[in-house]
Amino acid sequence: VTGVQTCALPIYAQYRRMTGAPVRGLILALCLPAVISNLVTTAYNLADTYFIGRLGTSQSGAIGIAYSVMTVFQAFGFFFGNGSGNSMSRELGKRNNERAARLLAVGFCGAVLGGLALAILGLSTLPHLVVVLGSTPTISPYAIAYLTPILIAAPMVCGSFALNGLLRYQGLSLYGMIGLVSGALLNFIVAPLLIFVAGLGIAGAGIATAVCQTISFIILVTFAVRRGVVRLDLRTGKPDMLLVREIIGGGMPSLLRQGAGSLATTCVNLAANPFGDAVIAAMAIVMRIMLAINSIIIGLGQGFQPVCGYNYGAGLYRRVKEGYWFCVRLATCVLVVLAVLLWVFAPQLVEIFRSDPAVVAVGVAALHIQCCTVILNGFNMMGNMMTQTMGRTGIASFLALCRQGLFLAPIVLILPMMFGVLGVEMAQSVSDVLTFLVTIPFMRRILHELR
């Protein structure tokens, strides 16, 4: 029996699996639950967009405003979950199980406390916050009504995102999937009941999201305490300076990536603001649709990350490179197929969420433009996730900032001045191309070092 709350045999069996099983089959086995989890979570976000779209254009615009806040929740959850998880998987690869258990406990506590701080800050500044995020006077009341219950549940939301990652980095993607999918599926039932049957409107959608995220949190905590390779025990959550540095280094790329996403969403809302509620609503719909596409690739990368962490920690660099190239090729092939389908069915997809002709026209144009460049995201994302898991914080943080921070934020504010609404529609694609060009030399260097 080891010094942590688990048995040595399951840890050793998991170690042999992660460092000895065929890489491609192992990644596919781990990424499938992650992809399903991401798709179902995205589907529940799209369901919210659909249900709220039945209420009006201003209510649809409020979803775009709220998305910025939800991205911040993800940023904090991923910061602690990935920051602890990256180091935890490497420690498990080194068979240093006691330190892995400490990383698990500290990452979980940090996410919950971070969510509590966000809740207090958000609730105390909410009327001003939604204006800063790009609300028009007609959208603001709906954004406030939707965000209030979600902010109350912020500690559970951040904790859920963190625990999903912490289970995944142990090679337990299935448990993370069950936790997130359970809450998402419940939301499909609860949201329309509160919105339409109870007559709560957009506030009902916010309450449904808060309740279902809390249920997901409870399920994930149960799995982490009872089923983890290393078990969640808050008594082991005593941080030291080295451990804190590891978490910050491993989580910073996720924090910057998600924070940049929130900034980019705010910039898109601000750029669309002068053109009216219809453009804000259209871009909110487009961002949700593209999130669904990218969530598949993120799920594939999430299946690769624990394999990368275990084998990098064990010094098996050939397996790391093999897994990376397999994921890049598979992600690119998947994106090509999805881009073709998205181009063909773009009008029907936008009309599902809002049949307003002005919204449909802007949404379809934006989707068609993004179809031309979305195939680059497989290479962009895999490089970012690989360097993060390897502990290459500087490179991973820079690449995380590029797509939606260093590039998209200024581009989406400059192009509309030159091209009007077209500038808003094409900004993401320009950012994707620039990110691709920047990522190439970094990945050549990293792969050369792994020889």
Protein backbone atom coordinates (compact mmCIF):
# COMPACT_ATOMS: atom_id res chain seq x y z
CA VAL A 1 0.00 0.00 0.00
CA THR A 2 1.40 3.40 -0.98
CA GLY A 3 1.39 6.58 1.08
CA VAL A 4 -1.64 7.90 -0.83
CA GLN A 5 -5.21 6.68 -0.76
CA THR A 6 -4.97 4.02 -3.45
CA CYS A 7 -3.55 0.58 -4.13
CA ALA A 8 -0.20 0.14 -5.88
CA LEU A 9 -1.54 -2.48 -8.31
CA PRO A 10 -4.07 -0.23 -10.13
CA ILE A 11 -1.45 2.54 -10.38
CA TYR A 12 1.11 0.13 -11.83
CA ALA A 13 -1.44 -1.35 -14.24
CA GLN A 14 -2.36 2.13 -15.44
CA TYR A 15 1.35 3.00 -15.82
CA ARG A 16 1.95 -0.08 -17.98
CA ARG A 17 -1.10 0.75 -20.10
CA MET A 18 -0.13 4.39 -20.66
CA THR A 19 3.52 3.65 -21.46
CA GLY A 20 3.21 0.27 -23.20
CA ALA A 21 -0.08 0.03 -25.11
CA PRO A 22 -0.09 0.93 -28.85
CA VAL A 23 -0.16 4.73 -29.03
CA ARG A 24 -2.88 5.15 -31.65
CA GLY A 25 -5.35 2.80 -30.00
CA LEU A 26 -4.61 4.33 -26.59
CA ILE A 27 -5.25 7.87 -27.82
CA LEU A 28 -8.49 6.83 -29.53
CA ALA A 29 -9.67 5.08 -26.36
CA LEU A 30 -8.95 8.17 -24.26
CA CYS A 31 -10.18 10.78 -26.72
CA LEU A 32 -13.57 9.17 -27.40
CA PRO A 33 -15.03 10.01 -23.95
CA ALA A 34 -13.46 13.48 -24.16
CA VAL A 35 -14.97 14.14 -27.61
CA ILE A 36 -18.38 12.90 -26.46
CA SER A 37 -18.17 15.04 -23.33
CA ASN A 38 -17.21 18.13 -25.34
CA LEU A 39 -19.91 17.53 -27.95
CA VAL A 40 -22.66 17.00 -25.41
CA THR A 41 -21.54 20.06 -23.43
CA THR A 42 -21.47 22.09 -26.65
CA ALA A 43 -24.86 20.68 -27.62
CA TYR A 44 -26.29 21.91 -24.35
CA ASN A 45 -24.80 25.36 -25.06
CA LEU A 46 -26.39 25.24 -28.51
CA ALA A 47 -29.66 24.14 -26.94
CA ASP A 48 -29.58 27.23 -24.72
CA THR A 49 -28.93 29.31 -27.84
CA TYR A 50 -31.85 27.62 -29.60
CA PHE A 51 -34.33 27.97 -26.74
CA ILE A 52 -33.38 31.57 -26.03
CA GLY A 53 -33.51 32.34 -29.76
CA ARG A 54 -37.25 31.62 -29.59
CA LEU A 55 -37.59 34.60 -27.23
CA GLY A 56 -36.12 37.34 -29.48
CA THR A 57 -33.04 38.83 -31.14
CA SER A 58 -31.99 40.82 -28.07
CA GLN A 59 -32.14 37.67 -25.95
CA SER A 60 -29.95 35.88 -28.51
CA GLY A 61 -27.47 38.73 -28.25
CA ALA A 62 -27.38 38.27 -24.47
CA ILE A 63 -25.95 34.77 -25.01
CA GLY A 64 -22.98 36.30 -26.80
CA ILE A 65 -22.37 38.60 -23.83
CA ALA A 66 -22.67 35.74 -21.34
CA TYR A 67 -20.27 33.62 -23.37
CA SER A 68 -17.42 35.96 -22.38
CA VAL A 69 -18.14 35.32 -18.68
CA MET A 70 -18.45 31.54 -19.16
CA THR A 71 -15.09 31.58 -20.93
CA VAL A 72 -13.54 33.17 -17.84
CA PHE A 73 -15.00 30.33 -15.70
CA GLN A 74 -13.43 27.84 -18.10
CA ALA A 75 -10.15 29.74 -17.93
CA PHE A 76 -9.94 29.39 -14.14
CA GLY A 77 -11.10 25.76 -14.19
CA PHE A 78 -8.64 24.83 -16.93
CA PHE A 79 -5.86 26.80 -15.26
CA PHE A 80 -6.04 24.71 -12.09
CA GLY A 81 -7.16 21.48 -13.77
CA ASN A 82 -4.58 21.49 -16.55
CA GLY A 83 -1.92 23.13 -14.42
CA SER A 84 -2.17 20.36 -11.82
CA GLY A 85 -3.02 17.66 -14.36
CA ASN A 86 -0.01 18.22 -16.61
CA SER A 87 2.38 17.83 -13.69
CA MET A 88 0.31 15.02 -12.22
CA SER A 89 0.53 12.92 -15.40
CA ARG A 90 4.30 13.44 -15.57
CA GLU A 91 4.64 12.47 -11.89
CA LEU A 92 2.58 9.34 -12.51
CA GLY A 93 4.89 8.60 -15.45
CA LYS A 94 7.82 8.90 -13.01
CA ARG A 95 5.80 6.76 -10.53
CA ASN A 96 5.87 9.55 -7.94
CA ASN A 97 2.32 8.87 -6.76
CA GLU A 98 2.31 10.81 -3.49
CA ARG A 99 3.17 14.08 -5.21
CA ALA A 100 0.55 13.34 -7.86
CA ALA A 101 -2.08 13.12 -5.09
CA ARG A 102 -0.99 16.50 -3.70
CA LEU A 103 -1.28 18.09 -7.15
CA LEU A 104 -4.82 16.71 -7.45
CA ALA A 105 -5.97 18.18 -4.13
CA VAL A 106 -4.35 21.59 -4.63
CA GLY A 107 -5.72 21.92 -8.17
CA PHE A 108 -9.25 21.13 -7.02
CA CYS A 109 -9.18 23.56 -4.08
CA GLY A 110 -7.70 26.32 -6.21
CA ALA A 111 -10.47 25.98 -8.83
CA VAL A 112 -13.28 26.15 -6.26
CA LEU A 113 -11.78 29.13 -4.44
CA GLY A 114 -11.11 30.88 -7.75
CA GLY A 115 -14.74 30.37 -8.74
CA LEU A 116 -15.86 31.85 -5.43
CA ALA A 117 -13.76 34.96 -6.06
CA LEU A 118 -15.23 35.31 -9.57
CA ALA A 119 -18.76 34.98 -8.18
CA ILE A 120 -18.24 37.78 -5.66
CA LEU A 121 -16.59 40.05 -8.21
CA GLY A 122 -19.12 39.36 -10.95
CA LEU A 123 -22.25 39.78 -8.84
CA SER A 124 -21.01 43.04 -7.33
CA THR A 125 -20.29 44.61 -10.74
CA LEU A 126 -22.77 42.88 -13.06
CA PRO A 127 -24.73 45.91 -14.44
CA HIS A 128 -21.47 47.61 -15.42
CA LEU A 129 -19.83 44.35 -16.51
CA VAL A 130 -22.35 43.53 -19.24
CA VAL A 131 -21.91 47.01 -20.75
CA VAL A 132 -18.13 46.61 -20.78
CA LEU A 133 -18.59 43.25 -22.52
CA GLY A 134 -20.48 44.90 -25.38
CA SER A 135 -24.18 44.94 -24.39
CA THR A 136 -26.51 47.41 -26.03
CA PRO A 137 -29.23 49.01 -23.84
CA THR A 138 -31.76 46.48 -25.18
CA ILE A 139 -29.52 43.47 -24.49
CA SER A 140 -28.27 44.42 -21.00
CA PRO A 141 -31.39 43.45 -18.95
CA TYR A 142 -31.45 39.99 -20.52
CA ALA A 143 -27.70 39.46 -20.03
CA ILE A 144 -28.05 40.37 -16.33
CA ALA A 145 -31.01 38.01 -15.85
CA TYR A 146 -29.15 35.14 -17.51
CA LEU A 147 -25.82 35.63 -15.76
CA THR A 148 -27.00 36.15 -12.17
CA PRO A 149 -27.74 32.47 -11.30
CA ILE A 150 -24.70 31.30 -13.28
CA LEU A 151 -22.42 33.58 -11.26
CA ILE A 152 -23.88 32.19 -8.03
CA ALA A 153 -22.85 28.70 -9.18
CA ALA A 154 -19.36 29.83 -10.29
CA PRO A 155 -17.43 27.76 -7.67
CA MET A 156 -19.12 24.57 -8.88
CA VAL A 157 -18.67 25.50 -12.55
CA CYS A 158 -14.93 26.13 -12.13
CA GLY A 159 -14.58 23.01 -9.99
CA SER A 160 -16.28 20.88 -12.67
CA PHE A 161 -13.96 22.07 -15.42
CA ALA A 162 -10.94 21.39 -13.19
CA LEU A 163 -12.04 17.92 -12.09
CA ASN A 164 -12.82 16.84 -15.64
CA GLY A 165 -9.21 17.61 -16.57
CA LEU A 166 -7.76 16.06 -13.41
CA LEU A 167 -9.57 12.78 -14.06
CA ARG A 168 -8.59 12.87 -17.73
CA TYR A 169 -4.88 13.31 -16.94
CA GLN A 170 -5.06 10.12 -14.88
CA GLY A 171 -6.27 8.29 -18.00
CA LEU A 172 -9.87 8.27 -16.67
CA SER A 173 -11.62 10.21 -19.43
CA LEU A 174 -14.74 8.08 -19.06
CA TYR A 175 -15.46 9.35 -15.54
CA GLY A 176 -15.02 12.96 -16.65
CA MET A 177 -17.39 12.34 -19.53
CA ILE A 178 -20.07 10.84 -17.28
CA GLY A 179 -19.93 13.81 -14.92
CA LEU A 180 -20.20 16.52 -17.58
CA VAL A 181 -22.64 14.67 -19.82
CA SER A 182 -25.04 13.97 -16.94
CA GLY A 183 -25.47 17.68 -16.21
CA ALA A 184 -25.67 18.59 -19.89
CA LEU A 185 -28.37 16.02 -20.65
CA LEU A 186 -30.37 17.16 -17.65
CA ASN A 187 -30.17 20.72 -18.97
CA PHE A 188 -31.97 19.66 -22.14
CA ILE A 189 -34.98 18.83 -19.96
CA VAL A 190 -34.79 21.53 -17.31
CA ALA A 191 -34.08 24.55 -19.55
CA PRO A 192 -37.26 24.47 -21.69
CA LEU A 193 -39.38 23.73 -18.62
CA LEU A 194 -38.11 26.82 -16.81
CA ILE A 195 -38.02 29.05 -19.91
CA PHE A 196 -41.44 28.25 -21.40
CA VAL A 197 -43.54 26.19 -18.96
CA ALA A 198 -42.59 28.14 -15.81
CA GLY A 199 -42.52 31.38 -17.84
CA LEU A 200 -39.13 32.51 -16.48
CA GLY A 201 -37.74 33.39 -19.90
CA ILE A 202 -33.99 33.89 -20.18
CA ALA A 203 -33.62 33.86 -16.38
CA GLY A 204 -34.93 30.29 -16.44
CA ALA A 205 -32.13 29.32 -18.84
CA GLY A 206 -29.58 30.74 -16.40
CA ILE A 207 -31.11 28.88 -13.45
CA ALA A 208 -31.14 25.62 -15.43
CA THR A 209 -27.47 26.03 -16.31
CA ALA A 210 -26.53 26.73 -12.68
CA VAL A 211 -28.46 23.75 -11.31
CA CYS A 212 -27.16 21.29 -13.90
CA GLN A 213 -23.54 22.44 -13.51
CA THR A 214 -23.86 21.89 -9.75
CA ILE A 215 -25.11 18.34 -10.32
CA SER A 216 -22.14 17.67 -12.64
CA PHE A 217 -19.82 18.97 -9.92
CA ILE A 218 -21.24 16.58 -7.31
CA ILE A 219 -20.85 13.60 -9.67
CA LEU A 220 -17.26 14.51 -10.57
CA VAL A 221 -16.28 14.96 -6.91
CA THR A 222 -17.70 11.51 -6.15
CA PHE A 223 -15.63 9.91 -8.91
CA ALA A 224 -12.47 11.78 -7.85
CA VAL A 225 -12.85 10.64 -4.23
CA ARG A 226 -13.79 7.03 -4.90
CA ARG A 227 -12.49 6.00 -8.34
CA GLY A 228 -9.35 7.98 -9.11
CA VAL A 229 -5.97 6.38 -9.77
CA VAL A 230 -4.92 8.75 -7.00
CA ARG A 231 -7.88 9.67 -4.80
CA LEU A 232 -9.00 13.20 -3.99
CA ASP A 233 -8.23 13.91 -0.33
CA LEU A 234 -8.23 17.54 0.78
CA ARG A 235 -5.90 16.67 3.67
CA THR A 236 -3.09 16.18 1.15
CA GLY A 237 -3.67 19.64 -0.38
CA LYS A 238 -0.72 21.38 1.25
CA PRO A 239 1.05 23.44 -1.42
CA ASP A 240 4.75 24.24 -1.41
CA MET A 241 6.51 26.80 -3.59
CA LEU A 242 7.72 24.25 -6.14
CA LEU A 243 4.26 22.75 -6.48
CA VAL A 244 2.66 26.18 -6.91
CA ARG A 245 5.21 27.03 -9.61
CA GLU A 246 4.40 23.77 -11.41
CA ILE A 247 0.68 24.51 -11.37
CA ILE A 248 1.16 28.08 -12.57
CA GLY A 249 3.54 26.96 -15.30
CA GLY A 250 1.32 24.11 -16.47
CA GLY A 251 -1.92 26.08 -16.23
CA MET A 252 -0.82 29.44 -17.60
CA PRO A 253 -1.29 28.44 -21.28
CA SER A 254 -4.88 27.36 -20.51
CA LEU A 255 -5.56 30.55 -18.58
CA LEU A 256 -4.17 32.67 -21.39
CA ARG A 257 -5.97 30.64 -24.07
CA GLN A 258 -9.35 30.90 -22.37
CA GLY A 259 -8.76 34.46 -21.19
CA ALA A 260 -7.86 35.41 -24.75
CA GLY A 261 -11.07 33.70 -25.87
CA SER A 262 -13.08 35.84 -23.47
CA LEU A 263 -11.26 38.96 -24.65
CA ALA A 264 -11.83 38.00 -28.28
CA THR A 265 -15.56 37.44 -27.68
CA THR A 266 -15.80 40.85 -26.02
CA CYS A 267 -13.93 42.44 -28.94
CA VAL A 268 -16.27 40.74 -31.43
CA ASN A 269 -19.28 42.07 -29.50
CA LEU A 270 -17.78 45.56 -29.40
CA ALA A 271 -16.95 45.44 -33.12
CA ALA A 272 -20.47 44.24 -33.94
CA ASN A 273 -22.14 46.72 -31.58
CA PRO A 274 -22.33 49.65 -34.06
CA PHE A 275 -24.06 47.41 -36.59
CA GLY A 276 -26.96 46.49 -34.25
CA ASP A 277 -28.43 43.57 -32.31
CA ALA A 278 -28.77 41.36 -35.40
CA VAL A 279 -25.00 41.30 -36.03
CA ILE A 280 -24.25 40.64 -32.35
CA ALA A 281 -26.78 37.78 -32.33
CA ALA A 282 -25.41 36.34 -35.60
CA MET A 283 -21.82 36.32 -34.37
CA ALA A 284 -22.94 34.74 -31.07
CA ILE A 285 -24.54 31.91 -33.06
CA VAL A 286 -21.47 31.52 -35.28
CA MET A 287 -19.15 31.34 -32.25
CA ARG A 288 -21.31 28.61 -30.72
CA ILE A 289 -21.33 26.59 -33.98
CA MET A 290 -17.56 26.89 -34.41
CA LEU A 291 -17.12 25.95 -30.75
CA ALA A 292 -18.92 22.69 -31.54
CA ILE A 293 -16.52 22.02 -34.44
CA ASN A 294 -13.41 22.86 -32.43
CA SER A 295 -14.62 20.85 -29.43
CA ILE A 296 -14.09 17.67 -31.44
CA ILE A 297 -10.46 18.58 -32.07
CA ILE A 298 -9.99 19.67 -28.46
CA GLY A 299 -11.34 16.28 -27.37
CA LEU A 300 -8.79 14.54 -29.58
CA GLY A 301 -6.04 16.66 -28.04
CA GLN A 302 -7.35 15.85 -24.56
CA GLY A 303 -6.98 12.17 -25.37
CA PHE A 304 -3.37 12.80 -26.42
CA GLN A 305 -2.37 14.89 -23.39
CA PRO A 306 -2.30 12.12 -20.73
CA VAL A 307 -0.42 9.87 -23.17
CA CYS A 308 2.03 12.70 -23.80
CA GLY A 309 2.45 13.44 -20.08
CA TYR A 310 2.98 9.83 -18.97
CA ASN A 311 5.46 9.03 -21.75
CA TYR A 312 7.32 12.32 -21.54
CA GLY A 313 7.71 11.78 -17.79
CA ALA A 314 8.91 8.23 -18.45
CA GLY A 315 11.41 9.42 -21.11
CA LEU A 316 9.65 7.60 -23.97
CA TYR A 317 9.95 10.43 -26.49
CA ARG A 318 9.35 8.29 -29.56
CA ARG A 319 5.83 7.56 -28.31
CA VAL A 320 5.25 11.28 -27.71
CA LYS A 321 6.16 12.13 -31.33
CA GLU A 322 4.13 9.24 -32.71
CA GLY A 323 1.06 10.38 -30.81
CA TYR A 324 1.49 14.00 -31.88
CA TRP A 325 1.64 13.27 -35.62
CA PHE A 326 -1.24 10.81 -35.40
CA CYS A 327 -3.41 13.48 -33.77
CA VAL A 328 -2.41 16.20 -36.27
CA ARG A 329 -3.29 14.01 -39.27
CA LEU A 330 -6.54 12.75 -37.79
CA ALA A 331 -7.64 16.23 -36.69
CA THR A 332 -6.96 17.71 -40.13
CA CYS A 333 -8.94 14.97 -41.89
CA VAL A 334 -11.88 15.43 -39.51
CA LEU A 335 -11.85 19.22 -39.99
CA VAL A 336 -11.86 18.92 -43.79
CA VAL A 337 -15.02 16.80 -43.67
CA LEU A 338 -16.71 19.09 -41.14
CA ALA A 339 -15.78 22.23 -43.11
CA VAL A 340 -17.45 20.84 -46.24
CA LEU A 341 -20.62 19.94 -44.33
CA LEU A 342 -20.66 23.30 -42.59
CA TRP A 343 -20.33 25.19 -45.89
CA VAL A 344 -23.23 23.27 -47.46
CA PHE A 345 -25.62 23.50 -44.52
CA ALA A 346 -24.68 26.93 -43.14
CA PRO A 347 -28.08 28.60 -43.87
CA GLN A 348 -30.03 25.80 -42.24
CA LEU A 349 -27.75 25.80 -39.18
CA VAL A 350 -28.13 29.53 -38.54
CA GLU A 351 -31.91 29.41 -39.11
CA ILE A 352 -32.24 26.76 -36.40
CA PHE A 353 -31.23 29.35 -33.83
CA ARG A 354 -32.75 32.51 -35.31
CA SER A 355 -34.81 32.90 -38.50
CA ASP A 356 -34.38 36.68 -38.68
CA PRO A 357 -33.13 37.32 -42.29
CA ALA A 358 -30.57 39.88 -41.10
CA VAL A 359 -29.13 37.41 -38.58
CA VAL A 360 -29.06 34.61 -41.16
CA ALA A 361 -27.25 36.72 -43.78
CA VAL A 362 -24.43 37.73 -41.42
CA GLY A 363 -24.16 34.26 -39.86
CA VAL A 364 -23.93 32.40 -43.17
CA ALA A 365 -21.25 34.75 -44.52
CA ALA A 366 -19.15 34.37 -41.37
CA LEU A 367 -19.46 30.56 -41.42
CA HIS A 368 -18.45 30.33 -45.08
CA ILE A 369 -15.34 32.41 -44.46
CA GLN A 370 -14.33 30.36 -41.41
CA CYS A 371 -14.81 27.09 -43.32
CA CYS A 372 -11.84 28.09 -45.49
CA THR A 373 -9.38 28.22 -42.58
CA VAL A 374 -10.76 25.98 -39.83
CA ILE A 375 -8.72 23.03 -41.20
CA LEU A 376 -5.58 24.72 -39.82
CA ASN A 377 -6.80 24.40 -36.24
CA GLY A 378 -5.75 20.76 -35.89
CA PHE A 379 -2.09 21.68 -36.26
CA ASN A 380 -2.49 24.84 -34.16
CA MET A 381 -4.23 23.15 -31.24
CA MET A 382 -2.12 19.97 -31.09
CA GLY A 383 1.08 21.98 -30.96
CA ASN A 384 -0.26 24.15 -28.16
CA MET A 385 -1.54 21.21 -26.11
CA MET A 386 1.63 19.17 -26.58
CA THR A 387 3.99 21.94 -25.45
CA GLN A 388 1.75 22.63 -22.46
CA THR A 389 1.79 19.00 -21.33
CA MET A 390 5.56 18.82 -21.74
CA GLY A 391 5.94 21.76 -19.37
CA ARG A 392 7.22 24.16 -22.05
CA THR A 393 5.33 27.03 -20.47
CA GLY A 394 6.78 29.93 -22.45
CA ILE A 395 6.11 28.44 -25.88
CA ALA A 396 2.71 27.05 -24.89
CA SER A 397 1.62 30.37 -23.38
CA PHE A 398 2.68 32.33 -26.46
CA LEU A 399 0.90 29.96 -28.84
CA ALA A 400 -2.19 30.01 -26.61
CA LEU A 401 -2.31 33.80 -26.86
CA CYS A 402 -1.89 34.00 -30.60
CA ARG A 403 -5.18 32.77 -32.04
CA GLN A 404 -7.64 34.78 -29.95
CA GLY A 405 -5.45 37.28 -28.18
CA LEU A 406 -2.45 38.69 -29.98
CA PHE A 407 -4.07 38.31 -33.39
CA LEU A 408 -7.88 38.18 -33.17
CA ALA A 409 -8.45 40.97 -30.63
CA PRO A 410 -6.74 43.73 -32.65
CA ILE A 411 -7.82 42.31 -36.02
CA VAL A 412 -11.52 42.29 -35.14
CA LEU A 413 -11.29 45.92 -34.03
CA ILE A 414 -9.33 47.11 -37.09
CA LEU A 415 -10.95 45.23 -40.00
CA PRO A 416 -14.52 46.54 -39.41
CA MET A 417 -13.17 50.07 -39.85
CA MET A 418 -11.98 49.05 -43.31
CA PHE A 419 -14.61 46.55 -44.46
CA GLY A 420 -17.66 47.10 -42.24
CA VAL A 421 -19.59 43.97 -41.25
CA LEU A 422 -17.35 41.88 -43.53
CA GLY A 423 -14.42 42.78 -41.27
CA VAL A 424 -16.24 41.26 -38.29
CA GLU A 425 -17.06 38.12 -40.30
CA MET A 426 -13.51 37.49 -41.56
CA ALA A 427 -11.47 38.37 -38.45
CA GLN A 428 -11.29 34.83 -37.01
CA SER A 429 -10.06 33.35 -40.29
CA VAL A 430 -7.27 35.91 -40.61
CA SER A 431 -6.22 35.11 -37.04
CA ASP A 432 -6.19 31.34 -37.75
CA VAL A 433 -3.84 31.77 -40.72
CA LEU A 434 -1.41 33.95 -38.75
CA THR A 435 -1.42 31.49 -35.84
CA PHE A 436 -0.63 28.62 -38.21
CA LEU A 437 2.37 30.47 -39.65
CA VAL A 438 3.70 31.28 -36.17
CA THR A 439 3.24 27.71 -34.86
CA ILE A 440 5.31 26.03 -37.60
CA PRO A 441 8.82 27.07 -36.46
CA PHE A 442 8.09 26.36 -32.79
CA MET A 443 6.92 22.82 -33.52
CA ARG A 444 9.89 22.11 -35.78
CA ARG A 445 12.16 23.02 -32.89
CA ILE A 446 10.27 20.95 -30.29
CA LEU A 447 10.12 17.85 -32.50
CA HIS A 448 13.81 18.14 -33.30
CA GLU A 449 14.60 18.20 -29.56
CA LEU A 450 12.59 14.99 -29.06
CA ARG A 451 14.83 12.95 -31.36
